[in-house]
Amino acid sequence: MRDSRNYEALPILADALADAGCADIALLAQCRDPNLKSIQADRLVGLVYSDETAAAVRWMEEFVRNINYRDYKDAEDRVGTKSDTNPHTYERIMMTGYNGLTRGGMSFASDAGADYFRESEANRREFFRNWSLITGLDVPEDILTRLSFSCSC
């Protein structure tokens, strides 16, 4: 399923997980959701595929939390709206990774997102190592080294 990226069998996986004693009702429900987006399917499969892919999913979720503005305040010192403080979602960041792979550039809704990649090549490699574990897609070295990063804020 992970290699083919064909997720039609996710409901069968949910049944097998339930039979094996999985008590995560939310995970099982998502596996049975006929309208599940492929990015979410990648996430679910990553959570159950191996300890390494599950750790990659958790890393990506933490990355999303870290690049969102938790304490953004406007000119009157009021905390901003949810879209101001949490412009990134797991789905958006995973799509940003796909855009980097296919378009050669990644745009973020926070300085923290773009700055993470600008800080070091090691950061780029860490992100795409985890992204690749989740998606099962490799990022060629030539693309990794010439990616551009911007902020749309």
N, C-alpha and C. Protein backbone atom coordinates (compact mmCIF):
# COMPACT_ATOMS: atom_id res chain seq x y z
N MET A 1 0.83 -1.19 0.00
CA MET A 1 0.00 0.00 0.00
C MET A 1 0.87 1.25 0.00
N ARG A 2 1.90 1.27 0.84
CA ARG A 2 2.75 2.46 0.93
C ARG A 2 3.51 2.68 -0.37
N ASP A 3 4.06 1.62 -0.93
CA ASP A 3 4.85 1.76 -2.15
C ASP A 3 3.99 2.12 -3.36
N SER A 4 2.80 1.53 -3.45
CA SER A 4 1.93 1.79 -4.60
C SER A 4 1.15 3.09 -4.44
N ARG A 5 1.04 3.57 -3.18
CA ARG A 5 0.24 4.75 -2.85
C ARG A 5 -1.21 4.56 -3.26
N ASN A 6 -1.65 3.32 -3.25
CA ASN A 6 -3.05 2.98 -3.51
C ASN A 6 -3.67 2.65 -2.16
N TYR A 7 -4.60 3.49 -1.73
CA TYR A 7 -5.13 3.39 -0.39
C TYR A 7 -6.54 2.80 -0.32
N GLU A 8 -6.96 2.14 -1.36
CA GLU A 8 -8.28 1.54 -1.35
C GLU A 8 -8.43 0.47 -0.28
N ALA A 9 -7.31 -0.11 0.14
CA ALA A 9 -7.36 -1.18 1.14
C ALA A 9 -7.29 -0.67 2.58
N LEU A 10 -7.32 0.64 2.77
CA LEU A 10 -7.26 1.17 4.14
C LEU A 10 -8.36 0.63 5.05
N PRO A 11 -9.61 0.46 4.57
CA PRO A 11 -10.62 -0.14 5.45
C PRO A 11 -10.25 -1.56 5.90
N ILE A 12 -9.60 -2.31 5.02
CA ILE A 12 -9.15 -3.66 5.39
C ILE A 12 -8.04 -3.56 6.43
N LEU A 13 -7.15 -2.59 6.26
CA LEU A 13 -6.11 -2.35 7.26
C LEU A 13 -6.74 -2.00 8.60
N ALA A 14 -7.78 -1.18 8.59
CA ALA A 14 -8.48 -0.83 9.83
C ALA A 14 -9.02 -2.07 10.52
N ASP A 15 -9.63 -2.96 9.75
CA ASP A 15 -10.17 -4.21 10.33
C ASP A 15 -9.04 -5.05 10.93
N ALA A 16 -7.92 -5.15 10.22
CA ALA A 16 -6.79 -5.94 10.71
C ALA A 16 -6.22 -5.33 11.98
N LEU A 17 -6.11 -4.00 12.00
CA LEU A 17 -5.61 -3.32 13.21
C LEU A 17 -6.55 -3.54 14.39
N ALA A 18 -7.85 -3.44 14.13
CA ALA A 18 -8.84 -3.67 15.20
C ALA A 18 -8.75 -5.11 15.70
N ASP A 19 -8.63 -6.06 14.79
CA ASP A 19 -8.50 -7.47 15.18
C ASP A 19 -7.24 -7.72 16.00
N ALA A 20 -6.19 -6.92 15.72
CA ALA A 20 -4.92 -7.07 16.44
C ALA A 20 -4.92 -6.33 17.77
N GLY A 21 -6.04 -5.66 18.09
CA GLY A 21 -6.16 -5.00 19.38
C GLY A 21 -5.93 -3.49 19.37
N CYS A 22 -5.85 -2.87 18.20
CA CYS A 22 -5.69 -1.42 18.14
C CYS A 22 -6.94 -0.76 18.74
N ALA A 23 -6.71 0.10 19.71
CA ALA A 23 -7.82 0.78 20.39
C ALA A 23 -7.93 2.25 20.00
N ASP A 24 -7.17 2.69 19.01
CA ASP A 24 -7.19 4.08 18.58
C ASP A 24 -8.39 4.29 17.65
N ILE A 25 -9.51 4.70 18.24
CA ILE A 25 -10.76 4.84 17.50
C ILE A 25 -10.64 5.86 16.38
N ALA A 26 -9.93 6.96 16.64
CA ALA A 26 -9.77 8.01 15.61
C ALA A 26 -8.98 7.47 14.41
N LEU A 27 -7.92 6.74 14.66
CA LEU A 27 -7.12 6.17 13.58
C LEU A 27 -7.95 5.18 12.77
N LEU A 28 -8.68 4.32 13.43
CA LEU A 28 -9.50 3.33 12.73
C LEU A 28 -10.59 4.02 11.90
N ALA A 29 -11.20 5.06 12.46
CA ALA A 29 -12.24 5.79 11.72
C ALA A 29 -11.65 6.47 10.49
N GLN A 30 -10.47 7.06 10.63
CA GLN A 30 -9.85 7.70 9.47
C GLN A 30 -9.51 6.68 8.39
N CYS A 31 -9.04 5.50 8.80
CA CYS A 31 -8.73 4.45 7.82
C CYS A 31 -9.99 4.01 7.06
N ARG A 32 -11.12 4.14 7.69
CA ARG A 32 -12.39 3.71 7.06
C ARG A 32 -13.07 4.85 6.29
N ASP A 33 -12.53 6.04 6.36
CA ASP A 33 -13.14 7.21 5.71
C ASP A 33 -12.97 7.12 4.20
N PRO A 34 -14.05 7.01 3.43
CA PRO A 34 -13.93 6.89 1.97
C PRO A 34 -13.49 8.19 1.30
N ASN A 35 -13.55 9.31 2.02
CA ASN A 35 -13.16 10.60 1.45
C ASN A 35 -11.80 11.09 1.94
N LEU A 36 -11.01 10.19 2.48
CA LEU A 36 -9.71 10.54 3.02
C LEU A 36 -8.78 11.03 1.91
N LYS A 37 -8.11 12.17 2.15
CA LYS A 37 -7.15 12.71 1.19
C LYS A 37 -5.88 11.86 1.22
N SER A 38 -5.17 11.85 0.10
CA SER A 38 -3.98 11.00 0.02
C SER A 38 -2.91 11.42 1.02
N ILE A 39 -2.82 12.70 1.34
CA ILE A 39 -1.83 13.14 2.32
C ILE A 39 -2.15 12.55 3.69
N GLN A 40 -3.42 12.52 4.04
CA GLN A 40 -3.81 11.92 5.31
C GLN A 40 -3.62 10.40 5.28
N ALA A 41 -3.85 9.79 4.13
CA ALA A 41 -3.61 8.35 4.00
C ALA A 41 -2.13 8.05 4.18
N ASP A 42 -1.25 8.87 3.59
CA ASP A 42 0.19 8.72 3.80
C ASP A 42 0.51 8.77 5.30
N ARG A 43 -0.10 9.73 5.99
CA ARG A 43 0.13 9.89 7.43
C ARG A 43 -0.30 8.64 8.20
N LEU A 44 -1.49 8.14 7.91
CA LEU A 44 -1.99 6.97 8.62
C LEU A 44 -1.12 5.74 8.38
N VAL A 45 -0.77 5.52 7.13
CA VAL A 45 0.09 4.38 6.81
C VAL A 45 1.44 4.56 7.49
N GLY A 46 1.95 5.79 7.49
CA GLY A 46 3.21 6.05 8.18
C GLY A 46 3.14 5.73 9.67
N LEU A 47 2.00 6.00 10.28
CA LEU A 47 1.86 5.73 11.71
C LEU A 47 1.91 4.24 12.03
N VAL A 48 1.47 3.40 11.11
CA VAL A 48 1.42 1.96 11.40
C VAL A 48 2.47 1.14 10.64
N TYR A 49 3.14 1.73 9.66
CA TYR A 49 4.07 0.98 8.81
C TYR A 49 5.29 0.49 9.58
N SER A 50 5.93 1.39 10.32
CA SER A 50 7.11 1.01 11.10
C SER A 50 7.32 2.07 12.19
N ASP A 51 8.17 1.72 13.14
CA ASP A 51 8.52 2.69 14.17
C ASP A 51 9.19 3.91 13.55
N GLU A 52 10.00 3.69 12.52
CA GLU A 52 10.73 4.79 11.88
C GLU A 52 9.76 5.74 11.16
N THR A 53 8.78 5.19 10.44
CA THR A 53 7.83 6.07 9.75
C THR A 53 6.90 6.76 10.74
N ALA A 54 6.54 6.06 11.82
CA ALA A 54 5.71 6.70 12.86
C ALA A 54 6.47 7.86 13.50
N ALA A 55 7.76 7.69 13.73
CA ALA A 55 8.57 8.77 14.29
C ALA A 55 8.66 9.93 13.30
N ALA A 56 8.70 9.64 12.01
CA ALA A 56 8.73 10.70 10.99
C ALA A 56 7.43 11.50 11.00
N VAL A 57 6.30 10.83 11.15
CA VAL A 57 5.01 11.53 11.23
C VAL A 57 5.00 12.43 12.46
N ARG A 58 5.44 11.91 13.59
CA ARG A 58 5.47 12.73 14.81
C ARG A 58 6.43 13.91 14.65
N TRP A 59 7.56 13.69 13.99
CA TRP A 59 8.50 14.79 13.75
C TRP A 59 7.82 15.88 12.91
N MET A 60 7.12 15.47 11.86
CA MET A 60 6.47 16.44 10.97
C MET A 60 5.38 17.21 11.72
N GLU A 61 4.62 16.52 12.55
CA GLU A 61 3.58 17.21 13.33
C GLU A 61 4.20 18.23 14.28
N GLU A 62 5.33 17.88 14.89
CA GLU A 62 6.03 18.81 15.77
C GLU A 62 6.61 19.98 14.98
N PHE A 63 7.14 19.70 13.80
CA PHE A 63 7.66 20.76 12.93
C PHE A 63 6.56 21.78 12.65
N VAL A 64 5.37 21.32 12.33
CA VAL A 64 4.24 22.21 12.05
C VAL A 64 3.95 23.08 13.27
N ARG A 65 3.91 22.47 14.45
CA ARG A 65 3.66 23.25 15.67
C ARG A 65 4.75 24.31 15.87
N ASN A 66 5.99 23.96 15.58
CA ASN A 66 7.10 24.87 15.83
C ASN A 66 7.15 26.06 14.89
N ILE A 67 6.64 25.92 13.68
CA ILE A 67 6.73 27.06 12.75
C ILE A 67 5.48 27.92 12.74
N ASN A 68 4.49 27.57 13.51
CA ASN A 68 3.31 28.42 13.64
C ASN A 68 3.57 29.50 14.67
N TYR A 69 2.92 30.64 14.50
CA TYR A 69 3.05 31.76 15.43
C TYR A 69 2.12 31.52 16.61
N ARG A 70 2.67 31.05 17.70
CA ARG A 70 1.83 30.78 18.87
C ARG A 70 1.44 32.07 19.59
N ASP A 71 2.32 33.05 19.58
CA ASP A 71 2.11 34.26 20.37
C ASP A 71 1.99 35.51 19.52
N TYR A 72 1.52 35.37 18.31
CA TYR A 72 1.39 36.52 17.43
C TYR A 72 0.43 37.53 18.05
N LYS A 73 0.84 38.81 18.04
CA LYS A 73 -0.05 39.86 18.55
C LYS A 73 -0.11 40.97 17.52
N ASP A 74 -1.29 41.59 17.44
CA ASP A 74 -1.46 42.68 16.48
C ASP A 74 -0.99 44.00 17.09
N ALA A 75 -1.22 45.10 16.39
CA ALA A 75 -0.74 46.41 16.82
C ALA A 75 -1.27 46.82 18.19
N GLU A 76 -2.46 46.33 18.56
CA GLU A 76 -3.05 46.65 19.87
C GLU A 76 -2.68 45.62 20.93
N ASP A 77 -1.68 44.79 20.65
CA ASP A 77 -1.19 43.78 21.58
C ASP A 77 -2.24 42.70 21.88
N ARG A 78 -3.11 42.45 20.92
CA ARG A 78 -4.09 41.36 21.06
C ARG A 78 -3.56 40.15 20.31
N VAL A 79 -3.83 38.98 20.87
CA VAL A 79 -3.42 37.75 20.19
C VAL A 79 -4.19 37.67 18.88
N GLY A 80 -3.49 37.28 17.82
CA GLY A 80 -4.10 37.23 16.49
C GLY A 80 -5.13 36.12 16.34
N THR A 81 -5.78 36.12 15.20
CA THR A 81 -6.78 35.09 14.91
C THR A 81 -6.08 33.75 14.71
N LYS A 82 -6.87 32.68 14.69
CA LYS A 82 -6.29 31.35 14.51
C LYS A 82 -5.49 31.29 13.21
N SER A 83 -5.98 31.90 12.15
CA SER A 83 -5.24 31.84 10.89
C SER A 83 -3.92 32.60 10.98
N ASP A 84 -3.85 33.60 11.86
CA ASP A 84 -2.59 34.31 12.06
C ASP A 84 -1.62 33.48 12.90
N THR A 85 -2.13 32.83 13.93
CA THR A 85 -1.27 32.12 14.85
C THR A 85 -0.94 30.71 14.40
N ASN A 86 -1.77 30.12 13.58
CA ASN A 86 -1.56 28.74 13.12
C ASN A 86 -1.80 28.64 11.61
N PRO A 87 -0.97 29.32 10.80
CA PRO A 87 -1.23 29.29 9.37
C PRO A 87 -0.88 27.96 8.71
N HIS A 88 -0.08 27.14 9.37
CA HIS A 88 0.34 25.87 8.78
C HIS A 88 -0.44 24.71 9.36
N THR A 89 -0.71 23.75 8.53
CA THR A 89 -1.30 22.48 8.94
C THR A 89 -0.39 21.37 8.45
N TYR A 90 -0.58 20.19 8.95
CA TYR A 90 0.17 19.04 8.50
C TYR A 90 0.01 18.88 6.99
N GLU A 91 -1.23 18.96 6.52
CA GLU A 91 -1.50 18.79 5.09
C GLU A 91 -0.78 19.84 4.25
N ARG A 92 -0.82 21.08 4.73
CA ARG A 92 -0.18 22.16 3.97
C ARG A 92 1.33 21.96 3.89
N ILE A 93 1.95 21.56 4.99
CA ILE A 93 3.40 21.36 4.99
C ILE A 93 3.78 20.18 4.10
N MET A 94 2.98 19.13 4.11
CA MET A 94 3.28 18.00 3.23
C MET A 94 3.14 18.42 1.76
N MET A 95 2.13 19.23 1.45
CA MET A 95 1.98 19.75 0.08
C MET A 95 3.14 20.67 -0.27
N THR A 96 3.63 21.43 0.70
CA THR A 96 4.78 22.29 0.46
C THR A 96 5.99 21.44 0.08
N GLY A 97 6.12 20.29 0.71
CA GLY A 97 7.19 19.36 0.33
C GLY A 97 7.04 18.88 -1.10
N TYR A 98 5.80 18.51 -1.48
CA TYR A 98 5.54 18.11 -2.87
C TYR A 98 5.88 19.24 -3.84
N ASN A 99 5.51 20.47 -3.47
CA ASN A 99 5.82 21.62 -4.32
C ASN A 99 7.32 21.81 -4.48
N GLY A 100 8.05 21.61 -3.41
CA GLY A 100 9.50 21.71 -3.49
C GLY A 100 10.06 20.68 -4.46
N LEU A 101 9.52 19.49 -4.40
CA LEU A 101 9.98 18.42 -5.28
C LEU A 101 9.64 18.67 -6.74
N THR A 102 8.43 19.17 -6.99
CA THR A 102 7.98 19.33 -8.37
C THR A 102 8.25 20.70 -8.97
N ARG A 103 8.31 21.73 -8.12
CA ARG A 103 8.46 23.10 -8.62
C ARG A 103 9.79 23.75 -8.27
N GLY A 104 10.53 23.13 -7.36
CA GLY A 104 11.84 23.66 -6.99
C GLY A 104 11.81 24.76 -5.96
N GLY A 105 10.63 25.05 -5.40
CA GLY A 105 10.53 26.10 -4.39
C GLY A 105 9.47 25.78 -3.37
N MET A 106 9.68 26.29 -2.17
CA MET A 106 8.74 26.07 -1.07
C MET A 106 8.39 27.42 -0.47
N SER A 107 7.09 27.69 -0.32
CA SER A 107 6.63 28.95 0.25
C SER A 107 5.88 28.65 1.54
N PHE A 108 6.17 29.43 2.57
CA PHE A 108 5.58 29.25 3.88
C PHE A 108 4.79 30.48 4.29
N ALA A 109 3.88 30.30 5.23
CA ALA A 109 3.06 31.40 5.72
C ALA A 109 3.65 32.00 6.99
N SER A 110 4.85 31.62 7.31
CA SER A 110 5.53 32.21 8.47
C SER A 110 7.02 32.31 8.16
N ASP A 111 7.64 33.32 8.75
CA ASP A 111 9.09 33.44 8.60
C ASP A 111 9.78 32.21 9.17
N ALA A 112 9.24 31.67 10.25
CA ALA A 112 9.86 30.53 10.91
C ALA A 112 9.98 29.34 9.96
N GLY A 113 8.98 29.15 9.10
CA GLY A 113 9.03 28.04 8.14
C GLY A 113 10.16 28.21 7.16
N ALA A 114 10.22 29.34 6.50
CA ALA A 114 11.28 29.58 5.51
C ALA A 114 12.65 29.66 6.19
N ASP A 115 12.71 30.29 7.35
CA ASP A 115 13.99 30.44 8.04
C ASP A 115 14.59 29.10 8.46
N TYR A 116 13.74 28.15 8.83
CA TYR A 116 14.23 26.82 9.19
C TYR A 116 15.08 26.24 8.06
N PHE A 117 14.62 26.39 6.84
CA PHE A 117 15.32 25.83 5.69
C PHE A 117 16.53 26.67 5.31
N ARG A 118 16.44 27.97 5.52
CA ARG A 118 17.55 28.85 5.19
C ARG A 118 18.72 28.70 6.16
N GLU A 119 18.42 28.26 7.39
CA GLU A 119 19.45 28.18 8.43
C GLU A 119 20.56 27.21 8.10
N SER A 120 20.21 26.06 7.52
CA SER A 120 21.28 25.10 7.24
C SER A 120 20.81 24.01 6.28
N GLU A 121 21.78 23.46 5.62
CA GLU A 121 21.51 22.32 4.74
C GLU A 121 21.05 21.12 5.56
N ALA A 122 21.57 21.00 6.78
CA ALA A 122 21.17 19.90 7.65
C ALA A 122 19.66 19.96 7.94
N ASN A 123 19.11 21.15 8.10
CA ASN A 123 17.67 21.29 8.33
C ASN A 123 16.88 20.81 7.12
N ARG A 124 17.33 21.20 5.93
CA ARG A 124 16.65 20.74 4.70
C ARG A 124 16.66 19.22 4.63
N ARG A 125 17.81 18.65 4.92
CA ARG A 125 17.94 17.19 4.86
C ARG A 125 17.06 16.51 5.91
N GLU A 126 17.00 17.09 7.10
CA GLU A 126 16.17 16.51 8.16
C GLU A 126 14.69 16.53 7.76
N PHE A 127 14.23 17.66 7.24
CA PHE A 127 12.84 17.75 6.80
C PHE A 127 12.55 16.70 5.72
N PHE A 128 13.37 16.68 4.68
CA PHE A 128 13.07 15.78 3.57
C PHE A 128 13.35 14.31 3.90
N ARG A 129 14.19 14.04 4.86
CA ARG A 129 14.34 12.65 5.32
C ARG A 129 13.02 12.17 5.91
N ASN A 130 12.43 12.99 6.78
CA ASN A 130 11.16 12.63 7.40
C ASN A 130 10.03 12.64 6.37
N TRP A 131 10.00 13.63 5.51
CA TRP A 131 8.98 13.72 4.47
C TRP A 131 9.03 12.48 3.57
N SER A 132 10.24 12.06 3.21
CA SER A 132 10.41 10.88 2.35
C SER A 132 9.97 9.61 3.05
N LEU A 133 10.26 9.51 4.35
CA LEU A 133 9.80 8.32 5.09
C LEU A 133 8.27 8.23 5.09
N ILE A 134 7.62 9.37 5.20
CA ILE A 134 6.15 9.39 5.24
C ILE A 134 5.57 9.08 3.87
N THR A 135 6.10 9.72 2.84
CA THR A 135 5.52 9.59 1.50
C THR A 135 6.03 8.39 0.72
N GLY A 136 7.20 7.89 1.10
CA GLY A 136 7.82 6.82 0.32
C GLY A 136 8.49 7.33 -0.95
N LEU A 137 8.58 8.64 -1.10
CA LEU A 137 9.20 9.25 -2.29
C LEU A 137 10.58 9.78 -1.94
N ASP A 138 11.53 9.52 -2.81
CA ASP A 138 12.87 10.04 -2.62
C ASP A 138 12.98 11.44 -3.22
N VAL A 139 13.82 12.25 -2.62
CA VAL A 139 14.10 13.58 -3.14
C VAL A 139 15.51 13.54 -3.73
N PRO A 140 15.61 13.69 -5.06
CA PRO A 140 16.94 13.65 -5.68
C PRO A 140 17.86 14.74 -5.13
N GLU A 141 19.12 14.40 -5.03
CA GLU A 141 20.13 15.32 -4.47
C GLU A 141 20.16 16.65 -5.20
N ASP A 142 20.04 16.63 -6.53
CA ASP A 142 20.12 17.89 -7.28
C ASP A 142 18.95 18.81 -6.94
N ILE A 143 17.78 18.26 -6.66
CA ILE A 143 16.64 19.09 -6.27
C ILE A 143 16.84 19.62 -4.86
N LEU A 144 17.29 18.76 -3.98
CA LEU A 144 17.50 19.15 -2.58
C LEU A 144 18.47 20.33 -2.46
N THR A 145 19.50 20.33 -3.26
CA THR A 145 20.53 21.38 -3.13
C THR A 145 20.14 22.69 -3.81
N ARG A 146 19.16 22.68 -4.70
CA ARG A 146 18.81 23.94 -5.38
C ARG A 146 17.41 24.46 -5.05
N LEU A 147 16.79 23.92 -4.03
CA LEU A 147 15.48 24.41 -3.60
C LEU A 147 15.56 25.86 -3.14
N SER A 148 14.49 26.60 -3.40
CA SER A 148 14.39 27.95 -2.86
C SER A 148 13.28 27.98 -1.81
N PHE A 149 13.39 28.92 -0.87
CA PHE A 149 12.45 29.01 0.24
C PHE A 149 12.01 30.45 0.40
N SER A 150 10.70 30.64 0.56
CA SER A 150 10.18 32.00 0.71
C SER A 150 9.06 32.02 1.74
N CYS A 151 8.72 33.22 2.14
CA CYS A 151 7.63 33.43 3.07
C CYS A 151 6.57 34.27 2.36
N SER A 152 5.34 33.84 2.44
CA SER A 152 4.25 34.60 1.80
C SER A 152 3.59 35.55 2.80
N CYS A 153 4.23 35.74 3.94
CA CYS A 153 3.64 36.60 4.98
C CYS A 153 3.93 38.07 4.72
